[in-house]
mmCIF file of all heavy atoms, coordinates in Angstrom:
data_MODEL
# 
_entry.id   MODEL 
# 
loop_
_atom_site.group_PDB 
_atom_site.id 
_atom_site.type_symbol 
_atom_site.label_atom_id 
_atom_site.label_alt_id 
_atom_site.label_comp_id 
_atom_site.label_asym_id 
_atom_site.label_entity_id 
_atom_site.label_seq_id 
_atom_site.pdbx_PDB_ins_code 
_atom_site.Cartn_x 
_atom_site.Cartn_y 
_atom_site.Cartn_z 
_atom_site.occupancy 
_atom_site.B_iso_or_equiv 
_atom_site.pdbx_formal_charge 
_atom_site.auth_seq_id 
_atom_site.auth_comp_id 
_atom_site.auth_asym_id 
_atom_site.auth_atom_id 
_atom_site.pdbx_PDB_model_num 
ATOM 1   N N   . THR A 1 1  ? 55.685 78.005 -13.593 1.00 0.00 ? 1  THR A N   1 
ATOM 2   C CA  . THR A 1 1  ? 56.301 76.758 -13.543 1.00 0.00 ? 1  THR A CA  1 
ATOM 3   C C   . THR A 1 1  ? 55.336 75.679 -13.847 1.00 0.00 ? 1  THR A C   1 
ATOM 4   O O   . THR A 1 1  ? 55.596 74.488 -13.709 1.00 0.00 ? 1  THR A O   1 
ATOM 5   C CB  . THR A 1 1  ? 57.048 76.492 -12.274 1.00 0.00 ? 1  THR A CB  1 
ATOM 6   O OG1 . THR A 1 1  ? 56.058 76.655 -11.185 1.00 0.00 ? 1  THR A OG1 1 
ATOM 7   C CG2 . THR A 1 1  ? 58.107 77.498 -12.100 1.00 0.00 ? 1  THR A CG2 1 
ATOM 8   N N   . GLY A 1 2  ? 54.045 75.992 -14.064 1.00 0.00 ? 2  GLY A N   1 
ATOM 9   C CA  . GLY A 1 2  ? 53.062 74.873 -14.367 1.00 0.00 ? 2  GLY A CA  1 
ATOM 10  C C   . GLY A 1 2  ? 51.767 75.280 -13.739 1.00 0.00 ? 2  GLY A C   1 
ATOM 11  O O   . GLY A 1 2  ? 51.437 76.428 -13.411 1.00 0.00 ? 2  GLY A O   1 
ATOM 12  N N   . GLY A 1 3  ? 50.932 74.285 -13.612 1.00 0.00 ? 3  GLY A N   1 
ATOM 13  C CA  . GLY A 1 3  ? 49.575 74.544 -13.144 1.00 0.00 ? 3  GLY A CA  1 
ATOM 14  C C   . GLY A 1 3  ? 48.628 73.568 -13.736 1.00 0.00 ? 3  GLY A C   1 
ATOM 15  O O   . GLY A 1 3  ? 49.076 72.528 -14.237 1.00 0.00 ? 3  GLY A O   1 
ATOM 16  N N   . TRP A 1 4  ? 47.340 73.818 -13.616 1.00 0.00 ? 4  TRP A N   1 
ATOM 17  C CA  . TRP A 1 4  ? 46.344 72.921 -14.180 1.00 0.00 ? 4  TRP A CA  1 
ATOM 18  C C   . TRP A 1 4  ? 45.300 73.800 -14.871 1.00 0.00 ? 4  TRP A C   1 
ATOM 19  O O   . TRP A 1 4  ? 44.842 74.855 -14.382 1.00 0.00 ? 4  TRP A O   1 
ATOM 20  C CB  . TRP A 1 4  ? 45.627 72.202 -12.947 1.00 0.00 ? 4  TRP A CB  1 
ATOM 21  C CG  . TRP A 1 4  ? 44.778 71.134 -13.509 1.00 0.00 ? 4  TRP A CG  1 
ATOM 22  C CD1 . TRP A 1 4  ? 45.135 69.801 -13.669 1.00 0.00 ? 4  TRP A CD1 1 
ATOM 23  C CD2 . TRP A 1 4  ? 43.423 71.184 -13.955 1.00 0.00 ? 4  TRP A CD2 1 
ATOM 24  N NE1 . TRP A 1 4  ? 44.107 69.087 -14.158 1.00 0.00 ? 4  TRP A NE1 1 
ATOM 25  C CE2 . TRP A 1 4  ? 43.023 69.959 -14.436 1.00 0.00 ? 4  TRP A CE2 1 
ATOM 26  C CE3 . TRP A 1 4  ? 42.536 72.286 -14.114 1.00 0.00 ? 4  TRP A CE3 1 
ATOM 27  C CZ2 . TRP A 1 4  ? 41.771 69.604 -14.894 1.00 0.00 ? 4  TRP A CZ2 1 
ATOM 28  C CZ3 . TRP A 1 4  ? 41.272 71.978 -14.611 1.00 0.00 ? 4  TRP A CZ3 1 
ATOM 29  C CH2 . TRP A 1 4  ? 40.951 70.688 -15.015 1.00 0.00 ? 4  TRP A CH2 1 
ATOM 30  N N   . ALA A 1 5  ? 45.030 73.461 -16.084 1.00 0.00 ? 5  ALA A N   1 
ATOM 31  C CA  . ALA A 1 5  ? 43.990 74.081 -16.826 1.00 0.00 ? 5  ALA A CA  1 
ATOM 32  C C   . ALA A 1 5  ? 43.422 73.095 -17.893 1.00 0.00 ? 5  ALA A C   1 
ATOM 33  O O   . ALA A 1 5  ? 44.076 72.231 -18.383 1.00 0.00 ? 5  ALA A O   1 
ATOM 34  C CB  . ALA A 1 5  ? 44.601 75.297 -17.624 1.00 0.00 ? 5  ALA A CB  1 
ATOM 35  N N   . HIS A 1 6  ? 42.178 73.294 -18.228 1.00 0.00 ? 6  HIS A N   1 
ATOM 36  C CA  . HIS A 1 6  ? 41.487 72.551 -19.222 1.00 0.00 ? 6  HIS A CA  1 
ATOM 37  C C   . HIS A 1 6  ? 40.322 73.256 -19.772 1.00 0.00 ? 6  HIS A C   1 
ATOM 38  O O   . HIS A 1 6  ? 39.487 73.844 -18.964 1.00 0.00 ? 6  HIS A O   1 
ATOM 39  C CB  . HIS A 1 6  ? 40.952 71.170 -18.555 1.00 0.00 ? 6  HIS A CB  1 
ATOM 40  C CG  . HIS A 1 6  ? 40.314 70.307 -19.538 1.00 0.00 ? 6  HIS A CG  1 
ATOM 41  N ND1 . HIS A 1 6  ? 39.047 70.338 -19.935 1.00 0.00 ? 6  HIS A ND1 1 
ATOM 42  C CD2 . HIS A 1 6  ? 40.881 69.191 -20.138 1.00 0.00 ? 6  HIS A CD2 1 
ATOM 43  C CE1 . HIS A 1 6  ? 38.799 69.462 -20.856 1.00 0.00 ? 6  HIS A CE1 1 
ATOM 44  N NE2 . HIS A 1 6  ? 39.850 68.621 -20.914 1.00 0.00 ? 6  HIS A NE2 1 
ATOM 45  N N   . SER A 1 7  ? 40.238 73.403 -21.035 1.00 0.00 ? 7  SER A N   1 
ATOM 46  C CA  . SER A 1 7  ? 39.120 74.139 -21.679 1.00 0.00 ? 7  SER A CA  1 
ATOM 47  C C   . SER A 1 7  ? 37.776 73.550 -21.227 1.00 0.00 ? 7  SER A C   1 
ATOM 48  O O   . SER A 1 7  ? 37.571 72.352 -21.186 1.00 0.00 ? 7  SER A O   1 
ATOM 49  C CB  . SER A 1 7  ? 39.297 74.016 -23.264 1.00 0.00 ? 7  SER A CB  1 
ATOM 50  O OG  . SER A 1 7  ? 38.233 74.662 -23.848 1.00 0.00 ? 7  SER A OG  1 
ATOM 51  N N   . GLY A 1 8  ? 36.943 74.450 -20.824 1.00 0.00 ? 8  GLY A N   1 
ATOM 52  C CA  . GLY A 1 8  ? 35.562 74.035 -20.422 1.00 0.00 ? 8  GLY A CA  1 
ATOM 53  C C   . GLY A 1 8  ? 35.513 73.490 -19.064 1.00 0.00 ? 8  GLY A C   1 
ATOM 54  O O   . GLY A 1 8  ? 34.377 73.015 -18.588 1.00 0.00 ? 8  GLY A O   1 
ATOM 55  N N   . ALA A 1 9  ? 36.548 73.586 -18.228 1.00 0.00 ? 9  ALA A N   1 
ATOM 56  C CA  . ALA A 1 9  ? 36.595 72.976 -16.913 1.00 0.00 ? 9  ALA A CA  1 
ATOM 57  C C   . ALA A 1 9  ? 35.694 73.701 -15.963 1.00 0.00 ? 9  ALA A C   1 
ATOM 58  O O   . ALA A 1 9  ? 35.691 74.961 -16.007 1.00 0.00 ? 9  ALA A O   1 
ATOM 59  C CB  . ALA A 1 9  ? 38.036 72.901 -16.416 1.00 0.00 ? 9  ALA A CB  1 
ATOM 60  N N   . THR A 1 10 ? 34.984 72.962 -15.127 1.00 0.00 ? 10 THR A N   1 
ATOM 61  C CA  . THR A 1 10 ? 34.281 73.567 -14.031 1.00 0.00 ? 10 THR A CA  1 
ATOM 62  C C   . THR A 1 10 ? 35.231 73.482 -12.758 1.00 0.00 ? 10 THR A C   1 
ATOM 63  O O   . THR A 1 10 ? 36.328 72.841 -12.817 1.00 0.00 ? 10 THR A O   1 
ATOM 64  C CB  . THR A 1 10 ? 32.970 72.746 -13.721 1.00 0.00 ? 10 THR A CB  1 
ATOM 65  O OG1 . THR A 1 10 ? 33.411 71.428 -13.325 1.00 0.00 ? 10 THR A OG1 1 
ATOM 66  C CG2 . THR A 1 10 ? 32.108 72.719 -14.892 1.00 0.00 ? 10 THR A CG2 1 
ATOM 67  N N   . THR A 1 11 ? 34.738 74.136 -11.720 1.00 0.00 ? 11 THR A N   1 
ATOM 68  C CA  . THR A 1 11 ? 35.598 74.059 -10.516 1.00 0.00 ? 11 THR A CA  1 
ATOM 69  C C   . THR A 1 11 ? 35.727 72.548 -9.930  1.00 0.00 ? 11 THR A C   1 
ATOM 70  O O   . THR A 1 11 ? 36.666 72.262 -9.342  1.00 0.00 ? 11 THR A O   1 
ATOM 71  C CB  . THR A 1 11 ? 35.033 74.974 -9.375  1.00 0.00 ? 11 THR A CB  1 
ATOM 72  O OG1 . THR A 1 11 ? 33.665 74.721 -9.238  1.00 0.00 ? 11 THR A OG1 1 
ATOM 73  C CG2 . THR A 1 11 ? 35.241 76.392 -9.737  1.00 0.00 ? 11 THR A CG2 1 
ATOM 74  N N   . GLU A 1 12 ? 34.685 71.731 -10.266 1.00 0.00 ? 12 GLU A N   1 
ATOM 75  C CA  . GLU A 1 12 ? 34.771 70.419 -9.886  1.00 0.00 ? 12 GLU A CA  1 
ATOM 76  C C   . GLU A 1 12 ? 35.860 69.684 -10.669 1.00 0.00 ? 12 GLU A C   1 
ATOM 77  O O   . GLU A 1 12 ? 36.637 68.912 -10.077 1.00 0.00 ? 12 GLU A O   1 
ATOM 78  C CB  . GLU A 1 12 ? 33.368 69.659 -10.108 1.00 0.00 ? 12 GLU A CB  1 
ATOM 79  C CG  . GLU A 1 12 ? 33.443 68.203 -9.659  1.00 0.00 ? 12 GLU A CG  1 
ATOM 80  C CD  . GLU A 1 12 ? 32.080 67.563 -9.800  1.00 0.00 ? 12 GLU A CD  1 
ATOM 81  O OE1 . GLU A 1 12 ? 31.106 68.141 -10.307 1.00 0.00 ? 12 GLU A OE1 1 
ATOM 82  O OE2 . GLU A 1 12 ? 31.964 66.378 -9.368  1.00 0.00 ? 12 GLU A OE2 1 
ATOM 83  N N   . ASP A 1 13 ? 35.941 69.931 -11.887 1.00 0.00 ? 13 ASP A N   1 
ATOM 84  C CA  . ASP A 1 13 ? 37.041 69.381 -12.749 1.00 0.00 ? 13 ASP A CA  1 
ATOM 85  C C   . ASP A 1 13 ? 38.423 69.922 -12.237 1.00 0.00 ? 13 ASP A C   1 
ATOM 86  O O   . ASP A 1 13 ? 39.324 69.147 -12.168 1.00 0.00 ? 13 ASP A O   1 
ATOM 87  C CB  . ASP A 1 13 ? 36.890 69.840 -14.251 1.00 0.00 ? 13 ASP A CB  1 
ATOM 88  C CG  . ASP A 1 13 ? 35.581 69.357 -14.932 1.00 0.00 ? 13 ASP A CG  1 
ATOM 89  O OD1 . ASP A 1 13 ? 35.163 68.259 -14.599 1.00 0.00 ? 13 ASP A OD1 1 
ATOM 90  O OD2 . ASP A 1 13 ? 34.971 70.065 -15.688 1.00 0.00 ? 13 ASP A OD2 1 
ATOM 91  N N   . MET A 1 14 ? 38.427 71.173 -11.962 1.00 0.00 ? 14 MET A N   1 
ATOM 92  C CA  . MET A 1 14 ? 39.660 71.738 -11.471 1.00 0.00 ? 14 MET A CA  1 
ATOM 93  C C   . MET A 1 14 ? 40.145 71.096 -10.099 1.00 0.00 ? 14 MET A C   1 
ATOM 94  O O   . MET A 1 14 ? 41.332 70.671 -9.970  1.00 0.00 ? 14 MET A O   1 
ATOM 95  C CB  . MET A 1 14 ? 39.572 73.253 -11.278 1.00 0.00 ? 14 MET A CB  1 
ATOM 96  C CG  . MET A 1 14 ? 39.367 73.983 -12.525 1.00 0.00 ? 14 MET A CG  1 
ATOM 97  S SD  . MET A 1 14 ? 38.988 75.722 -12.268 1.00 0.00 ? 14 MET A SD  1 
ATOM 98  C CE  . MET A 1 14 ? 40.711 76.299 -11.899 1.00 0.00 ? 14 MET A CE  1 
ATOM 99  N N   . LEU A 1 15 ? 39.226 70.945 -9.217  1.00 0.00 ? 15 LEU A N   1 
ATOM 100 C CA  . LEU A 1 15 ? 39.447 70.205 -7.966  1.00 0.00 ? 15 LEU A CA  1 
ATOM 101 C C   . LEU A 1 15 ? 39.935 68.873 -8.171  1.00 0.00 ? 15 LEU A C   1 
ATOM 102 O O   . LEU A 1 15 ? 41.051 68.427 -7.551  1.00 0.00 ? 15 LEU A O   1 
ATOM 103 C CB  . LEU A 1 15 ? 38.249 70.234 -7.092  1.00 0.00 ? 15 LEU A CB  1 
ATOM 104 C CG  . LEU A 1 15 ? 38.393 69.465 -5.739  1.00 0.00 ? 15 LEU A CG  1 
ATOM 105 C CD1 . LEU A 1 15 ? 39.617 70.046 -4.942  1.00 0.00 ? 15 LEU A CD1 1 
ATOM 106 C CD2 . LEU A 1 15 ? 37.110 69.594 -4.968  1.00 0.00 ? 15 LEU A CD2 1 
ATOM 107 N N   . ASP A 1 16 ? 39.368 68.051 -8.983  1.00 0.00 ? 16 ASP A N   1 
ATOM 108 C CA  . ASP A 1 16 ? 39.775 66.672 -9.289  1.00 0.00 ? 16 ASP A CA  1 
ATOM 109 C C   . ASP A 1 16 ? 41.222 66.769 -9.853  1.00 0.00 ? 16 ASP A C   1 
ATOM 110 O O   . ASP A 1 16 ? 42.013 65.935 -9.464  1.00 0.00 ? 16 ASP A O   1 
ATOM 111 C CB  . ASP A 1 16 ? 38.857 66.093 -10.342 1.00 0.00 ? 16 ASP A CB  1 
ATOM 112 C CG  . ASP A 1 16 ? 37.470 65.693 -9.766  1.00 0.00 ? 16 ASP A CG  1 
ATOM 113 O OD1 . ASP A 1 16 ? 37.276 65.745 -8.522  1.00 0.00 ? 16 ASP A OD1 1 
ATOM 114 O OD2 . ASP A 1 16 ? 36.636 65.446 -10.579 1.00 0.00 ? 16 ASP A OD2 1 
ATOM 115 N N   . GLY A 1 17 ? 41.519 67.681 -10.809 1.00 0.00 ? 17 GLY A N   1 
ATOM 116 C CA  . GLY A 1 17 ? 42.850 67.719 -11.408 1.00 0.00 ? 17 GLY A CA  1 
ATOM 117 C C   . GLY A 1 17 ? 43.953 68.111 -10.432 1.00 0.00 ? 17 GLY A C   1 
ATOM 118 O O   . GLY A 1 17 ? 45.005 67.448 -10.422 1.00 0.00 ? 17 GLY A O   1 
ATOM 119 N N   . VAL A 1 18 ? 43.638 69.073 -9.589  1.00 0.00 ? 18 VAL A N   1 
ATOM 120 C CA  . VAL A 1 18 ? 44.617 69.596 -8.647  1.00 0.00 ? 18 VAL A CA  1 
ATOM 121 C C   . VAL A 1 18 ? 44.793 68.596 -7.536  1.00 0.00 ? 18 VAL A C   1 
ATOM 122 O O   . VAL A 1 18 ? 45.969 68.283 -7.102  1.00 0.00 ? 18 VAL A O   1 
ATOM 123 C CB  . VAL A 1 18 ? 44.209 71.001 -8.080  1.00 0.00 ? 18 VAL A CB  1 
ATOM 124 C CG1 . VAL A 1 18 ? 45.176 71.426 -6.920  1.00 0.00 ? 18 VAL A CG1 1 
ATOM 125 C CG2 . VAL A 1 18 ? 44.278 72.044 -9.162  1.00 0.00 ? 18 VAL A CG2 1 
ATOM 126 N N   . ALA A 1 19 ? 43.744 67.961 -7.095  1.00 0.00 ? 19 ALA A N   1 
ATOM 127 C CA  . ALA A 1 19 ? 43.863 66.959 -6.035  1.00 0.00 ? 19 ALA A CA  1 
ATOM 128 C C   . ALA A 1 19 ? 44.621 65.788 -6.437  1.00 0.00 ? 19 ALA A C   1 
ATOM 129 O O   . ALA A 1 19 ? 45.418 65.178 -5.708  1.00 0.00 ? 19 ALA A O   1 
ATOM 130 C CB  . ALA A 1 19 ? 42.471 66.567 -5.548  1.00 0.00 ? 19 ALA A CB  1 
ATOM 131 N N   . ALA A 1 20 ? 44.509 65.381 -7.732  1.00 0.00 ? 20 ALA A N   1 
ATOM 132 C CA  . ALA A 1 20 ? 45.223 64.249 -8.259  1.00 0.00 ? 20 ALA A CA  1 
ATOM 133 C C   . ALA A 1 20 ? 46.669 64.538 -8.401  1.00 0.00 ? 20 ALA A C   1 
ATOM 134 O O   . ALA A 1 20 ? 47.541 63.584 -8.134  1.00 0.00 ? 20 ALA A O   1 
ATOM 135 C CB  . ALA A 1 20 ? 44.629 63.808 -9.677  1.00 0.00 ? 20 ALA A CB  1 
ATOM 136 N N   . ASP A 1 21 ? 47.029 65.763 -8.636  1.00 0.00 ? 21 ASP A N   1 
ATOM 137 C CA  . ASP A 1 21 ? 48.447 66.108 -8.738  1.00 0.00 ? 21 ASP A CA  1 
ATOM 138 C C   . ASP A 1 21 ? 49.205 66.287 -7.367  1.00 0.00 ? 21 ASP A C   1 
ATOM 139 O O   . ASP A 1 21 ? 50.362 66.302 -7.259  1.00 0.00 ? 21 ASP A O   1 
ATOM 140 C CB  . ASP A 1 21 ? 48.621 67.372 -9.529  1.00 0.00 ? 21 ASP A CB  1 
ATOM 141 C CG  . ASP A 1 21 ? 48.345 67.175 -11.053 1.00 0.00 ? 21 ASP A CG  1 
ATOM 142 O OD1 . ASP A 1 21 ? 48.298 65.959 -11.432 1.00 0.00 ? 21 ASP A OD1 1 
ATOM 143 O OD2 . ASP A 1 21 ? 48.102 68.137 -11.695 1.00 0.00 ? 21 ASP A OD2 1 
ATOM 144 N N   . GLY A 1 22 ? 48.327 66.578 -6.353  1.00 0.00 ? 22 GLY A N   1 
ATOM 145 C CA  . GLY A 1 22 ? 48.935 66.800 -4.976  1.00 0.00 ? 22 GLY A CA  1 
ATOM 146 C C   . GLY A 1 22 ? 49.459 68.167 -4.825  1.00 0.00 ? 22 GLY A C   1 
ATOM 147 O O   . GLY A 1 22 ? 49.309 69.034 -5.732  1.00 0.00 ? 22 GLY A O   1 
ATOM 148 N N   . PRO A 1 23 ? 50.041 68.489 -3.734  1.00 0.00 ? 23 PRO A N   1 
ATOM 149 C CA  . PRO A 1 23 ? 50.618 69.818 -3.489  1.00 0.00 ? 23 PRO A CA  1 
ATOM 150 C C   . PRO A 1 23 ? 51.559 70.269 -4.585  1.00 0.00 ? 23 PRO A C   1 
ATOM 151 O O   . PRO A 1 23 ? 52.248 69.536 -5.169  1.00 0.00 ? 23 PRO A O   1 
ATOM 152 C CB  . PRO A 1 23 ? 51.416 69.623 -2.133  1.00 0.00 ? 23 PRO A CB  1 
ATOM 153 C CG  . PRO A 1 23 ? 50.745 68.484 -1.559  1.00 0.00 ? 23 PRO A CG  1 
ATOM 154 C CD  . PRO A 1 23 ? 50.314 67.586 -2.639  1.00 0.00 ? 23 PRO A CD  1 
ATOM 155 N N   . MET A 1 24 ? 51.471 71.606 -4.849  1.00 0.00 ? 24 MET A N   1 
ATOM 156 C CA  . MET A 1 24 ? 52.221 72.179 -5.880  1.00 0.00 ? 24 MET A CA  1 
ATOM 157 C C   . MET A 1 24 ? 53.507 72.944 -5.245  1.00 0.00 ? 24 MET A C   1 
ATOM 158 O O   . MET A 1 24 ? 53.388 73.418 -4.073  1.00 0.00 ? 24 MET A O   1 
ATOM 159 C CB  . MET A 1 24 ? 51.438 73.321 -6.587  1.00 0.00 ? 24 MET A CB  1 
ATOM 160 C CG  . MET A 1 24 ? 50.275 72.736 -7.318  1.00 0.00 ? 24 MET A CG  1 
ATOM 161 S SD  . MET A 1 24 ? 49.343 74.166 -8.127  1.00 0.00 ? 24 MET A SD  1 
ATOM 162 C CE  . MET A 1 24 ? 48.069 73.175 -9.028  1.00 0.00 ? 24 MET A CE  1 
ATOM 163 N N   . ASP A 1 25 ? 54.556 72.824 -5.981  1.00 0.00 ? 25 ASP A N   1 
ATOM 164 C CA  . ASP A 1 25 ? 55.809 73.521 -5.583  1.00 0.00 ? 25 ASP A CA  1 
ATOM 165 C C   . ASP A 1 25 ? 55.810 74.907 -6.222  1.00 0.00 ? 25 ASP A C   1 
ATOM 166 O O   . ASP A 1 25 ? 56.337 75.025 -7.333  1.00 0.00 ? 25 ASP A O   1 
ATOM 167 C CB  . ASP A 1 25 ? 57.017 72.698 -5.993  1.00 0.00 ? 25 ASP A CB  1 
ATOM 168 C CG  . ASP A 1 25 ? 58.328 73.314 -5.611  1.00 0.00 ? 25 ASP A CG  1 
ATOM 169 O OD1 . ASP A 1 25 ? 58.310 74.082 -4.582  1.00 0.00 ? 25 ASP A OD1 1 
ATOM 170 O OD2 . ASP A 1 25 ? 59.307 73.053 -6.196  1.00 0.00 ? 25 ASP A OD2 1 
ATOM 171 N N   . ALA A 1 26 ? 55.228 75.811 -5.533  1.00 0.00 ? 26 ALA A N   1 
ATOM 172 C CA  . ALA A 1 26 ? 55.021 77.196 -6.147  1.00 0.00 ? 26 ALA A CA  1 
ATOM 173 C C   . ALA A 1 26 ? 54.958 78.268 -4.982  1.00 0.00 ? 26 ALA A C   1 
ATOM 174 O O   . ALA A 1 26 ? 54.650 77.845 -3.823  1.00 0.00 ? 26 ALA A O   1 
ATOM 175 C CB  . ALA A 1 26 ? 53.747 77.236 -6.968  1.00 0.00 ? 26 ALA A CB  1 
ATOM 176 N N   . ASP A 1 27 ? 55.191 79.416 -5.357  1.00 0.00 ? 27 ASP A N   1 
ATOM 177 C CA  . ASP A 1 27 ? 55.070 80.523 -4.418  1.00 0.00 ? 27 ASP A CA  1 
ATOM 178 C C   . ASP A 1 27 ? 53.617 81.109 -4.366  1.00 0.00 ? 27 ASP A C   1 
ATOM 179 O O   . ASP A 1 27 ? 53.162 81.715 -3.446  1.00 0.00 ? 27 ASP A O   1 
ATOM 180 C CB  . ASP A 1 27 ? 56.020 81.645 -4.694  1.00 0.00 ? 27 ASP A CB  1 
ATOM 181 C CG  . ASP A 1 27 ? 57.428 81.144 -4.606  1.00 0.00 ? 27 ASP A CG  1 
ATOM 182 O OD1 . ASP A 1 27 ? 57.798 80.447 -3.628  1.00 0.00 ? 27 ASP A OD1 1 
ATOM 183 O OD2 . ASP A 1 27 ? 58.289 81.558 -5.389  1.00 0.00 ? 27 ASP A OD2 1 
ATOM 184 N N   . ALA A 1 28 ? 52.958 80.988 -5.516  1.00 0.00 ? 28 ALA A N   1 
ATOM 185 C CA  . ALA A 1 28 ? 51.611 81.519 -5.627  1.00 0.00 ? 28 ALA A CA  1 
ATOM 186 C C   . ALA A 1 28 ? 50.783 80.661 -6.505  1.00 0.00 ? 28 ALA A C   1 
ATOM 187 O O   . ALA A 1 28 ? 51.167 80.068 -7.483  1.00 0.00 ? 28 ALA A O   1 
ATOM 188 C CB  . ALA A 1 28 ? 51.661 82.956 -6.218  1.00 0.00 ? 28 ALA A CB  1 
ATOM 189 N N   . LEU A 1 29 ? 49.426 80.665 -6.160  1.00 0.00 ? 29 LEU A N   1 
ATOM 190 C CA  . LEU A 1 29 ? 48.482 79.921 -6.911  1.00 0.00 ? 29 LEU A CA  1 
ATOM 191 C C   . LEU A 1 29 ? 47.463 80.983 -7.465  1.00 0.00 ? 29 LEU A C   1 
ATOM 192 O O   . LEU A 1 29 ? 46.929 81.814 -6.681  1.00 0.00 ? 29 LEU A O   1 
ATOM 193 C CB  . LEU A 1 29 ? 47.662 78.992 -6.011  1.00 0.00 ? 29 LEU A CB  1 
ATOM 194 C CG  . LEU A 1 29 ? 46.473 78.297 -6.654  1.00 0.00 ? 29 LEU A CG  1 
ATOM 195 C CD1 . LEU A 1 29 ? 46.837 77.353 -7.826  1.00 0.00 ? 29 LEU A CD1 1 
ATOM 196 C CD2 . LEU A 1 29 ? 45.638 77.508 -5.586  1.00 0.00 ? 29 LEU A CD2 1 
ATOM 197 N N   . VAL A 1 30 ? 47.293 81.126 -8.806  1.00 0.00 ? 30 VAL A N   1 
ATOM 198 C CA  . VAL A 1 30 ? 46.360 81.943 -9.314  1.00 0.00 ? 30 VAL A CA  1 
ATOM 199 C C   . VAL A 1 30 ? 45.072 81.139 -9.713  1.00 0.00 ? 30 VAL A C   1 
ATOM 200 O O   . VAL A 1 30 ? 45.210 80.205 -10.481 1.00 0.00 ? 30 VAL A O   1 
ATOM 201 C CB  . VAL A 1 30 ? 46.907 82.640 -10.602 1.00 0.00 ? 30 VAL A CB  1 
ATOM 202 C CG1 . VAL A 1 30 ? 45.844 83.590 -11.271 1.00 0.00 ? 30 VAL A CG1 1 
ATOM 203 C CG2 . VAL A 1 30 ? 48.195 83.500 -10.248 1.00 0.00 ? 30 VAL A CG2 1 
ATOM 204 N N   . LEU A 1 31 ? 44.035 81.472 -9.167  1.00 0.00 ? 31 LEU A N   1 
ATOM 205 C CA  . LEU A 1 31 ? 42.746 80.847 -9.436  1.00 0.00 ? 31 LEU A CA  1 
ATOM 206 C C   . LEU A 1 31 ? 41.864 81.751 -10.267 1.00 0.00 ? 31 LEU A C   1 
ATOM 207 O O   . LEU A 1 31 ? 41.481 82.827 -9.860  1.00 0.00 ? 31 LEU A O   1 
ATOM 208 C CB  . LEU A 1 31 ? 42.003 80.534 -8.104  1.00 0.00 ? 31 LEU A CB  1 
ATOM 209 C CG  . LEU A 1 31 ? 42.446 79.324 -7.338  1.00 0.00 ? 31 LEU A CG  1 
ATOM 210 C CD1 . LEU A 1 31 ? 41.781 79.227 -5.950  1.00 0.00 ? 31 LEU A CD1 1 
ATOM 211 C CD2 . LEU A 1 31 ? 42.243 78.058 -8.093  1.00 0.00 ? 31 LEU A CD2 1 
# 
């Protein structure tokens, strides 16, 4: 149902992206 991804992203980029979106409405998070 969605998620966050960006080519070349570091974990810092990922954290910024996920934190900006807030909690996810999902049953599982694949990291």
